[in-house]
């Protein structure tokens, strides 16, 4: 058996669920608090010194608004910045469709 938990943003804050090793964001958080909410979502993995992995779907039509902040967050955390995020941050333009990308979380 493989335990799977599906959750909304409500689970991103205040719940301490141990043993979460993978977070998948189907939709990136948006709005003024989008990147902060992203940090809380992926913070469900890699807790208490453990490592974890976070994958997110990227919609080049809607998520490009978060590109600059997300690029800074990834760079500050020592994570690889995918080329399409760097390009979106530099140009402010996006194409169509969804891309899949992932990063390794660090304990916190």
PDB file of N, CA and C in Angstrom:
ATOM      1  N   UNK A   1       0.840  -1.185   0.000  1.00  0.00           N
ATOM      2  CA  UNK A   1       0.000   0.000   0.000  1.00  0.00           C
ATOM      3  C   UNK A   1       0.880   1.242   0.000  1.00  0.00           C
ATOM      4  N   UNK A   2       0.423   2.264  -0.703  1.00  0.00           N
ATOM      5  CA  UNK A   2       1.099   3.547  -0.729  1.00  0.00           C
ATOM      6  C   UNK A   2       0.122   4.603  -0.240  1.00  0.00           C
ATOM      7  N   UNK A   3       0.389   5.202   0.905  1.00  0.00           N
ATOM      8  CA  UNK A   3      -0.530   6.238   1.401  1.00  0.00           C
ATOM      9  C   UNK A   3      -0.415   7.510   0.568  1.00  0.00           C
ATOM     10  N   UNK A   4      -1.559   8.040   0.177  1.00  0.00           N
ATOM     11  CA  UNK A   4      -1.619   9.277  -0.605  1.00  0.00           C
ATOM     12  C   UNK A   4      -2.584  10.223   0.084  1.00  0.00           C
ATOM     13  N   UNK A   5      -2.190  11.490   0.174  1.00  0.00           N
ATOM     14  CA  UNK A   5      -3.051  12.505   0.765  1.00  0.00           C
ATOM     15  C   UNK A   5      -3.283  13.593  -0.275  1.00  0.00           C
ATOM     16  N   UNK A   6      -4.525  13.945  -0.516  1.00  0.00           N
ATOM     17  CA  UNK A   6      -4.880  15.069  -1.365  1.00  0.00           C
ATOM     18  C   UNK A   6      -5.309  16.196  -0.444  1.00  0.00           C
ATOM     19  N   UNK A   7      -4.850  17.412  -0.727  1.00  0.00           N
ATOM     20  CA  UNK A   7      -5.167  18.513   0.184  1.00  0.00           C
ATOM     21  C   UNK A   7      -5.305  19.827  -0.569  1.00  0.00           C
ATOM     22  N   UNK A   8      -5.967  20.760   0.076  1.00  0.00           N
ATOM     23  CA  UNK A   8      -6.072  22.122  -0.427  1.00  0.00           C
ATOM     24  C   UNK A   8      -5.054  22.982   0.314  1.00  0.00           C
ATOM     25  N   UNK A   9      -5.063  24.279   0.056  1.00  0.00           N
ATOM     26  CA  UNK A   9      -4.146  25.191   0.747  1.00  0.00           C
ATOM     27  C   UNK A   9      -4.347  25.194   2.260  1.00  0.00           C
ATOM     28  N   UNK A  10      -5.496  24.748   2.721  1.00  0.00           N
ATOM     29  CA  UNK A  10      -5.748  24.691   4.163  1.00  0.00           C
ATOM     30  C   UNK A  10      -4.702  23.812   4.841  1.00  0.00           C
ATOM     31  N   UNK A  11      -4.289  22.743   4.174  1.00  0.00           N
ATOM     32  CA  UNK A  11      -3.296  21.829   4.747  1.00  0.00           C
ATOM     33  C   UNK A  11      -1.886  22.405   4.698  1.00  0.00           C
ATOM     34  N   UNK A  12      -1.681  23.467   3.955  1.00  0.00           N
ATOM     35  CA  UNK A  12      -0.340  24.032   3.806  1.00  0.00           C
ATOM     36  C   UNK A  12       0.131  24.765   5.053  1.00  0.00           C
ATOM     37  N   UNK A  13      -0.789  25.153   5.893  1.00  0.00           N
ATOM     38  CA  UNK A  13      -0.418  25.895   7.103  1.00  0.00           C
ATOM     39  C   UNK A  13      -1.065  25.255   8.324  1.00  0.00           C
ATOM     40  N   UNK A  14      -0.247  25.044   9.324  1.00  0.00           N
ATOM     41  CA  UNK A  14      -0.786  24.612  10.601  1.00  0.00           C
ATOM     42  C   UNK A  14      -0.897  23.122  10.821  1.00  0.00           C
ATOM     43  N   UNK A  15      -0.842  22.326   9.782  1.00  0.00           N
ATOM     44  CA  UNK A  15      -0.901  20.885   9.964  1.00  0.00           C
ATOM     45  C   UNK A  15       0.509  20.316   9.950  1.00  0.00           C
ATOM     46  N   UNK A  16       0.809  19.447  10.889  1.00  0.00           N
ATOM     47  CA  UNK A  16       2.115  18.799  10.934  1.00  0.00           C
ATOM     48  C   UNK A  16       1.913  17.324  10.634  1.00  0.00           C
ATOM     49  N   UNK A  17       2.030  16.974   9.367  1.00  0.00           N
ATOM     50  CA  UNK A  17       1.871  15.594   8.933  1.00  0.00           C
ATOM     51  C   UNK A  17       3.263  15.041   8.683  1.00  0.00           C
ATOM     52  N   UNK A  18       3.646  14.071   9.467  1.00  0.00           N
ATOM     53  CA  UNK A  18       4.996  13.508   9.351  1.00  0.00           C
ATOM     54  C   UNK A  18       5.078  12.523   8.185  1.00  0.00           C
ATOM     55  N   UNK A  19       6.283  12.426   7.641  1.00  0.00           N
ATOM     56  CA  UNK A  19       6.542  11.430   6.613  1.00  0.00           C
ATOM     57  C   UNK A  19       6.134  11.816   5.209  1.00  0.00           C
ATOM     58  N   UNK A  20       5.852  13.089   4.964  1.00  0.00           N
ATOM     59  CA  UNK A  20       5.521  13.524   3.608  1.00  0.00           C
ATOM     60  C   UNK A  20       6.839  13.691   2.849  1.00  0.00           C
ATOM     61  N   UNK A  21       7.043  12.880   1.830  1.00  0.00           N
ATOM     62  CA  UNK A  21       8.302  12.939   1.089  1.00  0.00           C
ATOM     63  C   UNK A  21       8.141  13.528  -0.303  1.00  0.00           C
ATOM     64  N   UNK A  22       6.907  13.734  -0.744  1.00  0.00           N
ATOM     65  CA  UNK A  22       6.647  14.252  -2.083  1.00  0.00           C
ATOM     66  C   UNK A  22       5.418  15.150  -2.055  1.00  0.00           C
ATOM     67  N   UNK A  23       5.545  16.323  -2.661  1.00  0.00           N
ATOM     68  CA  UNK A  23       4.417  17.241  -2.839  1.00  0.00           C
ATOM     69  C   UNK A  23       4.302  17.516  -4.331  1.00  0.00           C
ATOM     70  N   UNK A  24       3.090  17.419  -4.863  1.00  0.00           N
ATOM     71  CA  UNK A  24       2.836  17.752  -6.263  1.00  0.00           C
ATOM     72  C   UNK A  24       1.832  18.892  -6.287  1.00  0.00           C
ATOM     73  N   UNK A  25       2.233  19.998  -6.889  1.00  0.00           N
ATOM     74  CA  UNK A  25       1.348  21.151  -7.061  1.00  0.00           C
ATOM     75  C   UNK A  25       0.739  21.070  -8.455  1.00  0.00           C
ATOM     76  N   UNK A  26      -0.546  20.804  -8.520  1.00  0.00           N
ATOM     77  CA  UNK A  26      -1.210  20.777  -9.823  1.00  0.00           C
ATOM     78  C   UNK A  26      -1.374  22.197 -10.349  1.00  0.00           C
ATOM     79  N   UNK A  27      -1.724  23.113  -9.479  1.00  0.00           N
ATOM     80  CA  UNK A  27      -1.832  24.537  -9.814  1.00  0.00           C
ATOM     81  C   UNK A  27      -0.933  25.304  -8.867  1.00  0.00           C
ATOM     82  N   UNK A  28      -0.078  26.158  -9.406  1.00  0.00           N
ATOM     83  CA  UNK A  28       0.733  27.010  -8.541  1.00  0.00           C
ATOM     84  C   UNK A  28      -0.160  28.065  -7.911  1.00  0.00           C
ATOM     85  N   UNK A  29       0.109  28.425  -6.657  1.00  0.00           N
ATOM     86  CA  UNK A  29      -0.673  29.497  -6.038  1.00  0.00           C
ATOM     87  C   UNK A  29      -0.439  30.808  -6.783  1.00  0.00           C
ATOM     88  N   UNK A  30      -1.446  31.641  -6.834  1.00  0.00           N
ATOM     89  CA  UNK A  30      -1.318  32.913  -7.547  1.00  0.00           C
ATOM     90  C   UNK A  30      -1.675  34.067  -6.621  1.00  0.00           C
ATOM     91  N   UNK A  31      -1.622  35.251  -7.157  1.00  0.00           N
ATOM     92  CA  UNK A  31      -1.955  36.438  -6.384  1.00  0.00           C
ATOM     93  C   UNK A  31      -0.761  36.991  -5.640  1.00  0.00           C
ATOM     94  N   UNK A  32      -1.016  37.996  -4.815  1.00  0.00           N
ATOM     95  CA  UNK A  32       0.053  38.675  -4.086  1.00  0.00           C
ATOM     96  C   UNK A  32       0.827  37.741  -3.161  1.00  0.00           C
ATOM     97  N   UNK A  33       0.169  36.745  -2.612  1.00  0.00           N
ATOM     98  CA  UNK A  33       0.811  35.810  -1.686  1.00  0.00           C
ATOM     99  C   UNK A  33       1.179  34.490  -2.349  1.00  0.00           C
ATOM    100  N   UNK A  34       1.192  34.454  -3.677  1.00  0.00           N
ATOM    101  CA  UNK A  34       1.405  33.207  -4.393  1.00  0.00           C
ATOM    102  C   UNK A  34       2.690  32.489  -4.035  1.00  0.00           C
ATOM    103  N   UNK A  35       3.813  33.190  -4.065  1.00  0.00           N
ATOM    104  CA  UNK A  35       5.093  32.541  -3.780  1.00  0.00           C
ATOM    105  C   UNK A  35       5.180  32.151  -2.309  1.00  0.00           C
ATOM    106  N   UNK A  36       4.655  32.980  -1.426  1.00  0.00           N
ATOM    107  CA  UNK A  36       4.642  32.624   0.000  1.00  0.00           C
ATOM    108  C   UNK A  36       3.804  31.363   0.229  1.00  0.00           C
ATOM    109  N   UNK A  37       2.659  31.277  -0.426  1.00  0.00           N
ATOM    110  CA  UNK A  37       1.826  30.082  -0.304  1.00  0.00           C
ATOM    111  C   UNK A  37       2.524  28.862  -0.899  1.00  0.00           C
ATOM    112  N   UNK A  38       3.288  29.069  -1.972  1.00  0.00           N
ATOM    113  CA  UNK A  38       4.067  27.979  -2.562  1.00  0.00           C
ATOM    114  C   UNK A  38       5.059  27.427  -1.540  1.00  0.00           C
ATOM    115  N   UNK A  39       5.729  28.319  -0.825  1.00  0.00           N
ATOM    116  CA  UNK A  39       6.689  27.898   0.200  1.00  0.00           C
ATOM    117  C   UNK A  39       5.990  27.055   1.264  1.00  0.00           C
ATOM    118  N   UNK A  40       4.812  27.469   1.683  1.00  0.00           N
ATOM    119  CA  UNK A  40       4.081  26.704   2.697  1.00  0.00           C
ATOM    120  C   UNK A  40       3.632  25.350   2.156  1.00  0.00           C
ATOM    121  N   UNK A  41       3.226  25.314   0.902  1.00  0.00           N
ATOM    122  CA  UNK A  41       2.815  24.037   0.313  1.00  0.00           C
ATOM    123  C   UNK A  41       3.979  23.050   0.271  1.00  0.00           C
ATOM    124  N   UNK A  42       5.105  23.484  -0.273  1.00  0.00           N
ATOM    125  CA  UNK A  42       6.226  22.547  -0.400  1.00  0.00           C
ATOM    126  C   UNK A  42       6.891  22.289   0.939  1.00  0.00           C
ATOM    127  N   UNK A  43       6.604  23.128   1.921  1.00  0.00           N
ATOM    128  CA  UNK A  43       7.138  22.931   3.259  1.00  0.00           C
ATOM    129  C   UNK A  43       6.564  21.720   3.965  1.00  0.00           C
ATOM    130  N   UNK A  44       5.560  21.088   3.372  1.00  0.00           N
ATOM    131  CA  UNK A  44       5.002  19.859   3.944  1.00  0.00           C
ATOM    132  C   UNK A  44       5.984  18.703   3.775  1.00  0.00           C
ATOM    133  N   UNK A  45       6.946  18.848   2.878  1.00  0.00           N
ATOM    134  CA  UNK A  45       7.963  17.826   2.672  1.00  0.00           C
ATOM    135  C   UNK A  45       9.309  18.344   3.166  1.00  0.00           C
ATOM    136  N   UNK A  46      10.190  17.449   3.500  1.00  0.00           N
ATOM    137  CA  UNK A  46      11.521  17.853   3.939  1.00  0.00           C
ATOM    138  C   UNK A  46      11.526  18.531   5.292  1.00  0.00           C
ATOM    139  N   UNK A  47      10.684  18.087   6.196  1.00  0.00           N
ATOM    140  CA  UNK A  47      10.595  18.706   7.517  1.00  0.00           C
ATOM    141  C   UNK A  47      11.528  18.019   8.502  1.00  0.00           C
ATOM    142  N   UNK A  48      11.903  18.745   9.521  1.00  0.00           N
ATOM    143  CA  UNK A  48      12.707  18.217  10.633  1.00  0.00           C
ATOM    144  C   UNK A  48      14.001  17.576  10.150  1.00  0.00           C
ATOM    145  N   UNK A  49      14.661  18.236   9.201  1.00  0.00           N
ATOM    146  CA  UNK A  49      15.951  17.764   8.723  1.00  0.00           C
ATOM    147  C   UNK A  49      15.885  16.721   7.629  1.00  0.00           C
ATOM    148  N   UNK A  50      14.694  16.232   7.315  1.00  0.00           N
ATOM    149  CA  UNK A  50      14.546  15.249   6.240  1.00  0.00           C
ATOM    150  C   UNK A  50      14.567  15.959   4.888  1.00  0.00           C
ATOM    151  N   UNK A  51      14.829  15.211   3.844  1.00  0.00           N
ATOM    152  CA  UNK A  51      14.756  15.783   2.507  1.00  0.00           C
ATOM    153  C   UNK A  51      13.461  15.338   1.857  1.00  0.00           C
ATOM    154  N   UNK A  52      13.034  16.098   0.891  1.00  0.00           N
ATOM    155  CA  UNK A  52      11.818  15.768   0.176  1.00  0.00           C
ATOM    156  C   UNK A  52      11.872  16.356  -1.215  1.00  0.00           C
ATOM    157  N   UNK A  53      10.880  16.050  -2.005  1.00  0.00           N
ATOM    158  CA  UNK A  53      10.826  16.496  -3.388  1.00  0.00           C
ATOM    159  C   UNK A  53       9.486  17.189  -3.623  1.00  0.00           C
ATOM    160  N   UNK A  54       9.532  18.288  -4.361  1.00  0.00           N
ATOM    161  CA  UNK A  54       8.315  18.988  -4.762  1.00  0.00           C
ATOM    162  C   UNK A  54       8.319  19.122  -6.279  1.00  0.00           C
ATOM    163  N   UNK A  55       7.218  18.742  -6.899  1.00  0.00           N
ATOM    164  CA  UNK A  55       7.030  18.898  -8.342  1.00  0.00           C
ATOM    165  C   UNK A  55       5.847  19.836  -8.535  1.00  0.00           C
ATOM    166  N   UNK A  56       5.926  20.655  -9.568  1.00  0.00           N
ATOM    167  CA  UNK A  56       4.830  21.572  -9.862  1.00  0.00           C
ATOM    168  C   UNK A  56       4.566  21.607 -11.354  1.00  0.00           C
ATOM    169  N   UNK A  57       3.308  21.685 -11.698  1.00  0.00           N
ATOM    170  CA  UNK A  57       2.940  21.938 -13.085  1.00  0.00           C
ATOM    171  C   UNK A  57       3.047  23.441 -13.300  1.00  0.00           C
ATOM    172  N   UNK A  58       3.546  23.845 -14.453  1.00  0.00           N
ATOM    173  CA  UNK A  58       3.749  25.255 -14.786  1.00  0.00           C
ATOM    174  C   UNK A  58       2.896  25.579 -15.997  1.00  0.00           C
ATOM    175  N   UNK A  59       1.987  26.520 -15.858  1.00  0.00           N
ATOM    176  CA  UNK A  59       1.152  26.970 -16.960  1.00  0.00           C
ATOM    177  C   UNK A  59       1.734  28.280 -17.460  1.00  0.00           C
ATOM    178  N   UNK A  60       2.278  28.266 -18.672  1.00  0.00           N
ATOM    179  CA  UNK A  60       2.960  29.455 -19.183  1.00  0.00           C
ATOM    180  C   UNK A  60       2.008  30.613 -19.458  1.00  0.00           C
ATOM    181  N   UNK A  61       0.728  30.353 -19.471  1.00  0.00           N
ATOM    182  CA  UNK A  61      -0.233  31.441 -19.672  1.00  0.00           C
ATOM    183  C   UNK A  61      -0.562  32.163 -18.371  1.00  0.00           C
ATOM    184  N   UNK A  62      -0.600  31.440 -17.264  1.00  0.00           N
ATOM    185  CA  UNK A  62      -1.025  32.061 -16.010  1.00  0.00           C
ATOM    186  C   UNK A  62       0.079  32.187 -14.968  1.00  0.00           C
ATOM    187  N   UNK A  63       1.053  31.291 -14.979  1.00  0.00           N
ATOM    188  CA  UNK A  63       2.062  31.278 -13.918  1.00  0.00           C
ATOM    189  C   UNK A  63       3.233  32.214 -14.172  1.00  0.00           C
ATOM    190  N   UNK A  64       3.345  32.770 -15.382  1.00  0.00           N
ATOM    191  CA  UNK A  64       4.478  33.652 -15.689  1.00  0.00           C
ATOM    192  C   UNK A  64       4.502  34.885 -14.785  1.00  0.00           C
ATOM    193  N   UNK A  65       3.361  35.253 -14.220  1.00  0.00           N
ATOM    194  CA  UNK A  65       3.309  36.408 -13.320  1.00  0.00           C
ATOM    195  C   UNK A  65       4.133  36.169 -12.059  1.00  0.00           C
ATOM    196  N   UNK A  66       4.322  34.912 -11.701  1.00  0.00           N
ATOM    197  CA  UNK A  66       5.074  34.556 -10.492  1.00  0.00           C
ATOM    198  C   UNK A  66       6.544  34.265 -10.794  1.00  0.00           C
ATOM    199  N   UNK A  67       6.947  34.316 -12.064  1.00  0.00           N
ATOM    200  CA  UNK A  67       8.271  33.837 -12.472  1.00  0.00           C
ATOM    201  C   UNK A  67       9.418  34.537 -11.752  1.00  0.00           C
ATOM    202  N   UNK A  68       9.399  35.850 -11.681  1.00  0.00           N
ATOM    203  CA  UNK A  68      10.522  36.566 -11.046  1.00  0.00           C
ATOM    204  C   UNK A  68      10.664  36.201  -9.574  1.00  0.00           C
ATOM    205  N   UNK A  69       9.553  36.213  -8.854  1.00  0.00           N
ATOM    206  CA  UNK A  69       9.611  35.871  -7.429  1.00  0.00           C
ATOM    207  C   UNK A  69      10.019  34.418  -7.227  1.00  0.00           C
ATOM    208  N   UNK A  70       9.480  33.529  -8.042  1.00  0.00           N
ATOM    209  CA  UNK A  70       9.806  32.115  -7.911  1.00  0.00           C
ATOM    210  C   UNK A  70      11.272  31.866  -8.251  1.00  0.00           C
ATOM    211  N   UNK A  71      11.783  32.544  -9.270  1.00  0.00           N
ATOM    212  CA  UNK A  71      13.184  32.405  -9.635  1.00  0.00           C
ATOM    213  C   UNK A  71      14.080  32.849  -8.483  1.00  0.00           C
ATOM    214  N   UNK A  72      13.758  33.956  -7.854  1.00  0.00           N
ATOM    215  CA  UNK A  72      14.530  34.430  -6.710  1.00  0.00           C
ATOM    216  C   UNK A  72      14.479  33.461  -5.548  1.00  0.00           C
ATOM    217  N   UNK A  73      13.304  32.913  -5.283  1.00  0.00           N
ATOM    218  CA  UNK A  73      13.138  31.944  -4.201  1.00  0.00           C
ATOM    219  C   UNK A  73      13.996  30.706  -4.442  1.00  0.00           C
ATOM    220  N   UNK A  74      13.935  30.171  -5.650  1.00  0.00           N
ATOM    221  CA  UNK A  74      14.721  28.982  -5.979  1.00  0.00           C
ATOM    222  C   UNK A  74      16.215  29.264  -5.887  1.00  0.00           C
ATOM    223  N   UNK A  75      16.644  30.398  -6.429  1.00  0.00           N
ATOM    224  CA  UNK A  75      18.067  30.750  -6.391  1.00  0.00           C
ATOM    225  C   UNK A  75      18.547  30.925  -4.954  1.00  0.00           C
ATOM    226  N   UNK A  76      17.760  31.609  -4.129  1.00  0.00           N
ATOM    227  CA  UNK A  76      18.134  31.815  -2.721  1.00  0.00           C
ATOM    228  C   UNK A  76      18.240  30.497  -1.959  1.00  0.00           C
ATOM    229  N   UNK A  77      17.451  29.502  -2.367  1.00  0.00           N
ATOM    230  CA  UNK A  77      17.461  28.200  -1.700  1.00  0.00           C
ATOM    231  C   UNK A  77      18.516  27.263  -2.286  1.00  0.00           C
ATOM    232  N   UNK A  78      19.286  27.754  -3.260  1.00  0.00           N
ATOM    233  CA  UNK A  78      20.313  26.919  -3.869  1.00  0.00           C
ATOM    234  C   UNK A  78      19.750  25.860  -4.799  1.00  0.00           C
ATOM    235  N   UNK A  79      18.534  26.087  -5.295  1.00  0.00           N
ATOM    236  CA  UNK A  79      17.887  25.140  -6.205  1.00  0.00           C
ATOM    237  C   UNK A  79      18.133  25.560  -7.649  1.00  0.00           C
ATOM    238  N   UNK A  80      18.067  24.600  -8.536  1.00  0.00           N
ATOM    239  CA  UNK A  80      18.211  24.879  -9.963  1.00  0.00           C
ATOM    240  C   UNK A  80      16.976  25.631 -10.451  1.00  0.00           C
ATOM    241  N   UNK A  81      17.197  26.699 -11.216  1.00  0.00           N
ATOM    242  CA  UNK A  81      16.093  27.451 -11.812  1.00  0.00           C
ATOM    243  C   UNK A  81      15.895  26.920 -13.231  1.00  0.00           C
ATOM    244  N   UNK A  82      14.752  26.303 -13.518  1.00  0.00           N
ATOM    245  CA  UNK A  82      14.516  25.801 -14.876  1.00  0.00           C
ATOM    246  C   UNK A  82      14.587  26.928 -15.903  1.00  0.00           C
ATOM    247  N   UNK A  83      15.098  26.605 -17.082  1.00  0.00           N
ATOM    248  CA  UNK A  83      15.273  27.610 -18.134  1.00  0.00           C
ATOM    249  C   UNK A  83      13.975  28.327 -18.483  1.00  0.00           C
ATOM    250  N   UNK A  84      12.851  27.612 -18.501  1.00  0.00           N
ATOM    251  CA  UNK A  84      11.603  28.258 -18.894  1.00  0.00           C
ATOM    252  C   UNK A  84      11.122  29.269 -17.853  1.00  0.00           C
ATOM    253  N   UNK A  85      11.479  29.071 -16.584  1.00  0.00           N
ATOM    254  CA  UNK A  85      11.129  30.060 -15.559  1.00  0.00           C
ATOM    255  C   UNK A  85      12.026  31.280 -15.703  1.00  0.00           C
ATOM    256  N   UNK A  86      13.320  31.062 -15.932  1.00  0.00           N
ATOM    257  CA  UNK A  86      14.244  32.179 -16.142  1.00  0.00           C
ATOM    258  C   UNK A  86      13.836  32.982 -17.367  1.00  0.00           C
ATOM    259  N   UNK A  87      13.436  32.310 -18.440  1.00  0.00           N
ATOM    260  CA  UNK A  87      13.007  33.001 -19.655  1.00  0.00           C
ATOM    261  C   UNK A  87      11.732  33.801 -19.408  1.00  0.00           C
ATOM    262  N   UNK A  88      10.787  33.221 -18.673  1.00  0.00           N
ATOM    263  CA  UNK A  88       9.542  33.933 -18.361  1.00  0.00           C
ATOM    264  C   UNK A  88       9.822  35.143 -17.489  1.00  0.00           C
ATOM    265  N   UNK A  89      10.760  35.013 -16.559  1.00  0.00           N
ATOM    266  CA  UNK A  89      11.112  36.134 -15.686  1.00  0.00           C
ATOM    267  C   UNK A  89      11.789  37.242 -16.474  1.00  0.00           C
ATOM    268  N   UNK A  90      12.620  36.874 -17.440  1.00  0.00           N
ATOM    269  CA  UNK A  90      13.354  37.866 -18.226  1.00  0.00           C
ATOM    270  C   UNK A  90      12.462  38.585 -19.224  1.00  0.00           C
ATOM    271  N   UNK A  91      11.520  37.869 -19.819  1.00  0.00           N
ATOM    272  CA  UNK A  91      10.721  38.464 -20.886  1.00  0.00           C
ATOM    273  C   UNK A  91       9.324  38.865 -20.461  1.00  0.00           C
ATOM    274  N   UNK A  92       8.818  38.207 -19.438  1.00  0.00           N
ATOM    275  CA  UNK A  92       7.444  38.476 -19.035  1.00  0.00           C
ATOM    276  C   UNK A  92       6.436  37.875 -19.991  1.00  0.00           C
ATOM    277  N   UNK A  93       6.921  37.117 -20.988  1.00  0.00           N
ATOM    278  CA  UNK A  93       6.034  36.495 -21.967  1.00  0.00           C
ATOM    279  C   UNK A  93       5.991  35.000 -21.725  1.00  0.00           C
ATOM    280  N   UNK A  94       4.903  34.402 -22.090  1.00  0.00           N
ATOM    281  CA  UNK A  94       4.784  32.959 -21.961  1.00  0.00           C
ATOM    282  C   UNK A  94       4.153  32.366 -23.187  1.00  0.00           C
ATOM    283  N   UNK A  95       4.356  31.084 -23.383  1.00  0.00           N
ATOM    284  CA  UNK A  95       3.734  30.369 -24.481  1.00  0.00           C
ATOM    285  C   UNK A  95       2.467  29.711 -24.002  1.00  0.00           C
ATOM    286  N   UNK A  96       2.120  28.609 -24.603  1.00  0.00           N
ATOM    287  CA  UNK A  96       0.916  27.910 -24.201  1.00  0.00           C
ATOM    288  C   UNK A  96       1.235  26.590 -23.544  1.00  0.00           C
ATOM    289  N   UNK A  97       0.255  26.017 -22.894  1.00  0.00           N
ATOM    290  CA  UNK A  97       0.392  24.681 -22.353  1.00  0.00           C
ATOM    291  C   UNK A  97       0.973  24.620 -20.964  1.00  0.00           C
ATOM    292  N   UNK A  98       1.233  23.384 -20.536  1.00  0.00           N
ATOM    293  CA  UNK A  98       1.768  23.115 -19.203  1.00  0.00           C
ATOM    294  C   UNK A  98       3.090  22.397 -19.329  1.00  0.00           C
ATOM    295  N   UNK A  99       3.988  22.694 -18.419  1.00  0.00           N
ATOM    296  CA  UNK A  99       5.250  21.976 -18.323  1.00  0.00           C
ATOM    297  C   UNK A  99       5.325  21.344 -16.946  1.00  0.00           C
ATOM    298  N   UNK A 100       6.154  20.346 -16.802  1.00  0.00           N
ATOM    299  CA  UNK A 100       6.346  19.644 -15.536  1.00  0.00           C
ATOM    300  C   UNK A 100       7.755  19.927 -15.078  1.00  0.00           C
ATOM    301  N   UNK A 101       7.908  20.332 -13.841  1.00  0.00           N
ATOM    302  CA  UNK A 101       9.253  20.542 -13.303  1.00  0.00           C
ATOM    303  C   UNK A 101       9.260  20.178 -11.849  1.00  0.00           C
ATOM    304  N   UNK A 102      10.415  19.924 -11.326  1.00  0.00           N
ATOM    305  CA  UNK A 102      10.507  19.533  -9.928  1.00  0.00           C
ATOM    306  C   UNK A 102      11.762  20.047  -9.283  1.00  0.00           C
ATOM    307  N   UNK A 103      11.770  20.055  -7.989  1.00  0.00           N
ATOM    308  CA  UNK A 103      12.939  20.477  -7.236  1.00  0.00           C
ATOM    309  C   UNK A 103      13.001  19.701  -5.939  1.00  0.00           C
ATOM    310  N   UNK A 104      14.150  19.633  -5.366  1.00  0.00           N
ATOM    311  CA  UNK A 104      14.315  18.913  -4.108  1.00  0.00           C
ATOM    312  C   UNK A 104      14.150  19.880  -2.955  1.00  0.00           C
ATOM    313  N   UNK A 105      13.300  19.539  -2.016  1.00  0.00           N
ATOM    314  CA  UNK A 105      13.086  20.365  -0.836  1.00  0.00           C
ATOM    315  C   UNK A 105      14.144  20.102   0.210  1.00  0.00           C
ATOM    316  N   UNK A 106      14.351  21.055   1.058  1.00  0.00           N
ATOM    317  CA  UNK A 106      15.290  20.898   2.159  1.00  0.00           C
ATOM    318  C   UNK A 106      14.525  21.026   3.456  1.00  0.00           C
ATOM    319  N   UNK A 107      15.000  20.358   4.463  1.00  0.00           N
ATOM    320  CA  UNK A 107      14.320  20.386   5.756  1.00  0.00           C
ATOM    321  C   UNK A 107      14.232  21.780   6.328  1.00  0.00           C
ATOM    322  N   UNK A 108      13.220  22.005   7.118  1.00  0.00           N
ATOM    323  CA  UNK A 108      13.058  23.322   7.689  1.00  0.00           C
ATOM    324  C   UNK A 108      12.238  23.319   8.928  1.00  0.00           C
TER     325      UNK A 108
END
